[in-house]
Amino acid sequence: MGAKVLERFAAGAPRGSLPAEEYAARRRAEGEPATVVMDLKSDTFLVVVPAGEED
């Protein structure tokens, strides 16, 4: 199972994961199954969706 990254947010930002969570919430409101995950290697929050068959 793969995932497609929609957006990246720096973990060191003053608001932490909040911008990523807000972005994911907007995408979910539009019907996209967006989830926030932490990429420890790059120290970023990623907003991802499951990879579709076309990817």
PDB file of N, CA and C in Angstrom:
ATOM      1  N   MET A   1       0.850  -1.185   0.000  1.00  0.00           N
ATOM      2  CA  MET A   1       0.000   0.000   0.000  1.00  0.00           C
ATOM      3  C   MET A   1       0.886   1.236   0.000  1.00  0.00           C
ATOM      4  N   GLY A   2       0.647   2.133  -0.942  1.00  0.00           N
ATOM      5  CA  GLY A   2       1.422   3.352  -1.040  1.00  0.00           C
ATOM      6  C   GLY A   2       0.587   4.559  -0.684  1.00  0.00           C
ATOM      7  N   ALA A   3       1.253   5.686  -0.651  1.00  0.00           N
ATOM      8  CA  ALA A   3       0.561   6.934  -0.347  1.00  0.00           C
ATOM      9  C   ALA A   3       1.122   8.037  -1.228  1.00  0.00           C
ATOM     10  N   LYS A   4       0.280   8.988  -1.539  1.00  0.00           N
ATOM     11  CA  LYS A   4       0.672  10.158  -2.322  1.00  0.00           C
ATOM     12  C   LYS A   4       0.743  11.349  -1.374  1.00  0.00           C
ATOM     13  N   VAL A   5       1.859  12.068  -1.380  1.00  0.00           N
ATOM     14  CA  VAL A   5       2.038  13.237  -0.525  1.00  0.00           C
ATOM     15  C   VAL A   5       1.396  14.442  -1.197  1.00  0.00           C
ATOM     16  N   LEU A   6       0.462  15.073  -0.488  1.00  0.00           N
ATOM     17  CA  LEU A   6      -0.197  16.272  -1.018  1.00  0.00           C
ATOM     18  C   LEU A   6       0.545  17.540  -0.623  1.00  0.00           C
ATOM     19  N   GLU A   7       1.075  17.573   0.601  1.00  0.00           N
ATOM     20  CA  GLU A   7       1.713  18.786   1.111  1.00  0.00           C
ATOM     21  C   GLU A   7       2.667  18.418   2.236  1.00  0.00           C
ATOM     22  N   ARG A   8       3.676  19.261   2.452  1.00  0.00           N
ATOM     23  CA  ARG A   8       4.667  19.075   3.528  1.00  0.00           C
ATOM     24  C   ARG A   8       4.673  20.315   4.412  1.00  0.00           C
ATOM     25  N   PHE A   9       4.829  20.094   5.719  1.00  0.00           N
ATOM     26  CA  PHE A   9       4.878  21.192   6.677  1.00  0.00           C
ATOM     27  C   PHE A   9       6.030  20.951   7.643  1.00  0.00           C
ATOM     28  N   ALA A  10       6.841  21.962   7.875  1.00  0.00           N
ATOM     29  CA  ALA A  10       7.993  21.833   8.773  1.00  0.00           C
ATOM     30  C   ALA A  10       7.529  21.550  10.199  1.00  0.00           C
ATOM     31  N   ALA A  11       8.135  20.554  10.816  1.00  0.00           N
ATOM     32  CA  ALA A  11       7.762  20.189  12.186  1.00  0.00           C
ATOM     33  C   ALA A  11       8.240  21.236  13.182  1.00  0.00           C
ATOM     34  N   GLY A  12       9.276  21.958  12.851  1.00  0.00           N
ATOM     35  CA  GLY A  12       9.822  22.952  13.764  1.00  0.00           C
ATOM     36  C   GLY A  12       9.094  24.281  13.744  1.00  0.00           C
ATOM     37  N   ALA A  13       8.037  24.389  12.978  1.00  0.00           N
ATOM     38  CA  ALA A  13       7.286  25.640  12.909  1.00  0.00           C
ATOM     39  C   ALA A  13       6.662  25.956  14.268  1.00  0.00           C
ATOM     40  N   PRO A  14       6.442  27.219  14.569  1.00  0.00           N
ATOM     41  CA  PRO A  14       5.884  27.592  15.873  1.00  0.00           C
ATOM     42  C   PRO A  14       4.537  26.942  16.190  1.00  0.00           C
ATOM     43  N   ARG A  15       3.749  26.629  15.179  1.00  0.00           N
ATOM     44  CA  ARG A  15       2.428  26.046  15.422  1.00  0.00           C
ATOM     45  C   ARG A  15       2.445  24.523  15.337  1.00  0.00           C
ATOM     46  N   GLY A  16       3.622  23.921  15.177  1.00  0.00           N
ATOM     47  CA  GLY A  16       3.725  22.457  15.153  1.00  0.00           C
ATOM     48  C   GLY A  16       2.920  21.823  14.044  1.00  0.00           C
ATOM     49  N   SER A  17       2.124  20.810  14.377  1.00  0.00           N
ATOM     50  CA  SER A  17       1.369  20.072  13.362  1.00  0.00           C
ATOM     51  C   SER A  17       0.064  20.739  12.973  1.00  0.00           C
ATOM     52  N   LEU A  18      -0.302  21.827  13.635  1.00  0.00           N
ATOM     53  CA  LEU A  18      -1.596  22.453  13.384  1.00  0.00           C
ATOM     54  C   LEU A  18      -1.821  22.826  11.914  1.00  0.00           C
ATOM     55  N   PRO A  19      -0.878  23.446  11.209  1.00  0.00           N
ATOM     56  CA  PRO A  19      -1.131  23.744   9.787  1.00  0.00           C
ATOM     57  C   PRO A  19      -1.396  22.486   8.963  1.00  0.00           C
ATOM     58  N   ALA A  20      -0.687  21.410   9.253  1.00  0.00           N
ATOM     59  CA  ALA A  20      -0.897  20.160   8.525  1.00  0.00           C
ATOM     60  C   ALA A  20      -2.280  19.600   8.829  1.00  0.00           C
ATOM     61  N   GLU A  21      -2.686  19.634  10.086  1.00  0.00           N
ATOM     62  CA  GLU A  21      -4.005  19.137  10.467  1.00  0.00           C
ATOM     63  C   GLU A  21      -5.114  19.968   9.826  1.00  0.00           C
ATOM     64  N   GLU A  22      -4.925  21.280   9.769  1.00  0.00           N
ATOM     65  CA  GLU A  22      -5.920  22.162   9.149  1.00  0.00           C
ATOM     66  C   GLU A  22      -6.030  21.881   7.651  1.00  0.00           C
ATOM     67  N   TYR A  23      -4.887  21.694   6.988  1.00  0.00           N
ATOM     68  CA  TYR A  23      -4.885  21.404   5.555  1.00  0.00           C
ATOM     69  C   TYR A  23      -5.582  20.067   5.296  1.00  0.00           C
ATOM     70  N   ALA A  24      -5.258  19.061   6.098  1.00  0.00           N
ATOM     71  CA  ALA A  24      -5.880  17.742   5.937  1.00  0.00           C
ATOM     72  C   ALA A  24      -7.385  17.821   6.164  1.00  0.00           C
ATOM     73  N   ALA A  25      -7.817  18.607   7.134  1.00  0.00           N
ATOM     74  CA  ALA A  25      -9.245  18.756   7.419  1.00  0.00           C
ATOM     75  C   ALA A  25      -9.967  19.378   6.220  1.00  0.00           C
ATOM     76  N   ARG A  26      -9.337  20.367   5.597  1.00  0.00           N
ATOM     77  CA  ARG A  26      -9.942  20.980   4.399  1.00  0.00           C
ATOM     78  C   ARG A  26     -10.062  19.962   3.273  1.00  0.00           C
ATOM     79  N   ARG A  27      -9.032  19.148   3.092  1.00  0.00           N
ATOM     80  CA  ARG A  27      -9.074  18.130   2.037  1.00  0.00           C
ATOM     81  C   ARG A  27     -10.144  17.081   2.331  1.00  0.00           C
ATOM     82  N   ARG A  28     -10.277  16.695   3.612  1.00  0.00           N
ATOM     83  CA  ARG A  28     -11.318  15.728   3.983  1.00  0.00           C
ATOM     84  C   ARG A  28     -12.705  16.317   3.748  1.00  0.00           C
ATOM     85  N   ALA A  29     -12.871  17.617   4.001  1.00  0.00           N
ATOM     86  CA  ALA A  29     -14.157  18.276   3.758  1.00  0.00           C
ATOM     87  C   ALA A  29     -14.516  18.247   2.273  1.00  0.00           C
ATOM     88  N   GLU A  30     -13.482  18.181   1.427  1.00  0.00           N
ATOM     89  CA  GLU A  30     -13.690  18.094  -0.023  1.00  0.00           C
ATOM     90  C   GLU A  30     -13.854  16.646  -0.482  1.00  0.00           C
ATOM     91  N   GLY A  31     -13.842  15.694   0.454  1.00  0.00           N
ATOM     92  CA  GLY A  31     -14.063  14.300   0.120  1.00  0.00           C
ATOM     93  C   GLY A  31     -12.808  13.474  -0.097  1.00  0.00           C
ATOM     94  N   GLU A  32     -11.646  14.043   0.165  1.00  0.00           N
ATOM     95  CA  GLU A  32     -10.402  13.307  -0.018  1.00  0.00           C
ATOM     96  C   GLU A  32      -9.969  12.712   1.334  1.00  0.00           C
ATOM     97  N   PRO A  33      -9.557  11.447   1.378  1.00  0.00           N
ATOM     98  CA  PRO A  33      -9.210  10.797   2.647  1.00  0.00           C
ATOM     99  C   PRO A  33      -7.806  11.172   3.132  1.00  0.00           C
ATOM    100  N   ALA A  34      -7.579  12.445   3.411  1.00  0.00           N
ATOM    101  CA  ALA A  34      -6.258  12.935   3.801  1.00  0.00           C
ATOM    102  C   ALA A  34      -5.940  12.593   5.256  1.00  0.00           C
ATOM    103  N   THR A  35      -4.671  12.246   5.474  1.00  0.00           N
ATOM    104  CA  THR A  35      -4.166  11.904   6.794  1.00  0.00           C
ATOM    105  C   THR A  35      -2.837  12.611   7.006  1.00  0.00           C
ATOM    106  N   VAL A  36      -2.537  12.971   8.258  1.00  0.00           N
ATOM    107  CA  VAL A  36      -1.263  13.589   8.586  1.00  0.00           C
ATOM    108  C   VAL A  36      -0.349  12.525   9.192  1.00  0.00           C
ATOM    109  N   VAL A  37       0.867  12.447   8.668  1.00  0.00           N
ATOM    110  CA  VAL A  37       1.879  11.541   9.213  1.00  0.00           C
ATOM    111  C   VAL A  37       3.158  12.337   9.441  1.00  0.00           C
ATOM    112  N   MET A  38       4.002  11.831  10.326  1.00  0.00           N
ATOM    113  CA  MET A  38       5.279  12.486  10.621  1.00  0.00           C
ATOM    114  C   MET A  38       6.392  11.739   9.912  1.00  0.00           C
ATOM    115  N   ASP A  39       7.207  12.469   9.160  1.00  0.00           N
ATOM    116  CA  ASP A  39       8.400  11.902   8.541  1.00  0.00           C
ATOM    117  C   ASP A  39       9.577  12.295   9.426  1.00  0.00           C
ATOM    118  N   LEU A  40      10.020  11.367  10.263  1.00  0.00           N
ATOM    119  CA  LEU A  40      11.082  11.665  11.219  1.00  0.00           C
ATOM    120  C   LEU A  40      12.398  11.993  10.538  1.00  0.00           C
ATOM    121  N   LYS A  41      12.670  11.327   9.419  1.00  0.00           N
ATOM    122  CA  LYS A  41      13.940  11.536   8.720  1.00  0.00           C
ATOM    123  C   LYS A  41      14.091  12.982   8.240  1.00  0.00           C
ATOM    124  N   SER A  42      13.014  13.559   7.711  1.00  0.00           N
ATOM    125  CA  SER A  42      13.079  14.937   7.200  1.00  0.00           C
ATOM    126  C   SER A  42      12.513  15.957   8.185  1.00  0.00           C
ATOM    127  N   ASP A  43      12.005  15.505   9.334  1.00  0.00           N
ATOM    128  CA  ASP A  43      11.424  16.368  10.365  1.00  0.00           C
ATOM    129  C   ASP A  43      10.295  17.229   9.792  1.00  0.00           C
ATOM    130  N   THR A  44       9.381  16.564   9.073  1.00  0.00           N
ATOM    131  CA  THR A  44       8.235  17.254   8.496  1.00  0.00           C
ATOM    132  C   THR A  44       6.958  16.458   8.729  1.00  0.00           C
ATOM    133  N   PHE A  45       5.851  17.198   8.743  1.00  0.00           N
ATOM    134  CA  PHE A  45       4.538  16.559   8.754  1.00  0.00           C
ATOM    135  C   PHE A  45       4.092  16.471   7.304  1.00  0.00           C
ATOM    136  N   LEU A  46       3.611  15.303   6.902  1.00  0.00           N
ATOM    137  CA  LEU A  46       3.154  15.086   5.538  1.00  0.00           C
ATOM    138  C   LEU A  46       1.650  14.868   5.542  1.00  0.00           C
ATOM    139  N   VAL A  47       0.965  15.497   4.613  1.00  0.00           N
ATOM    140  CA  VAL A  47      -0.452  15.231   4.409  1.00  0.00           C
ATOM    141  C   VAL A  47      -0.509  14.271   3.229  1.00  0.00           C
ATOM    142  N   VAL A  48      -1.029  13.070   3.483  1.00  0.00           N
ATOM    143  CA  VAL A  48      -1.022  12.020   2.467  1.00  0.00           C
ATOM    144  C   VAL A  48      -2.420  11.484   2.222  1.00  0.00           C
ATOM    145  N   VAL A  49      -2.598  10.893   1.035  1.00  0.00           N
ATOM    146  CA  VAL A  49      -3.803  10.151   0.674  1.00  0.00           C
ATOM    147  C   VAL A  49      -3.336   8.810   0.136  1.00  0.00           C
ATOM    148  N   PRO A  50      -4.166   7.780   0.239  1.00  0.00           N
ATOM    149  CA  PRO A  50      -3.786   6.488  -0.333  1.00  0.00           C
ATOM    150  C   PRO A  50      -3.524   6.640  -1.830  1.00  0.00           C
ATOM    151  N   ALA A  51      -2.493   5.951  -2.299  1.00  0.00           N
ATOM    152  CA  ALA A  51      -2.163   6.006  -3.729  1.00  0.00           C
ATOM    153  C   ALA A  51      -3.243   5.303  -4.514  1.00  0.00           C
ATOM    154  N   GLY A  52      -3.689   5.924  -5.575  1.00  0.00           N
ATOM    155  CA  GLY A  52      -4.716   5.338  -6.426  1.00  0.00           C
ATOM    156  C   GLY A  52      -4.112   4.388  -7.431  1.00  0.00           C
ATOM    157  N   GLU A  53      -4.955   3.706  -8.158  1.00  0.00           N
ATOM    158  CA  GLU A  53      -4.507   2.760  -9.187  1.00  0.00           C
ATOM    159  C   GLU A  53      -3.740   3.455 -10.300  1.00  0.00           C
ATOM    160  N   GLU A  54      -4.062   4.734 -10.555  1.00  0.00           N
ATOM    161  CA  GLU A  54      -3.409   5.452 -11.650  1.00  0.00           C
ATOM    162  C   GLU A  54      -2.010   5.906 -11.301  1.00  0.00           C
ATOM    163  N   ASP A  55      -1.622   5.868 -10.018  1.00  0.00           N
ATOM    164  CA  ASP A  55      -0.276   6.318  -9.604  1.00  0.00           C
ATOM    165  C   ASP A  55       0.757   5.254  -9.774  1.00  0.00           C
TER     166      ASP A  55
END
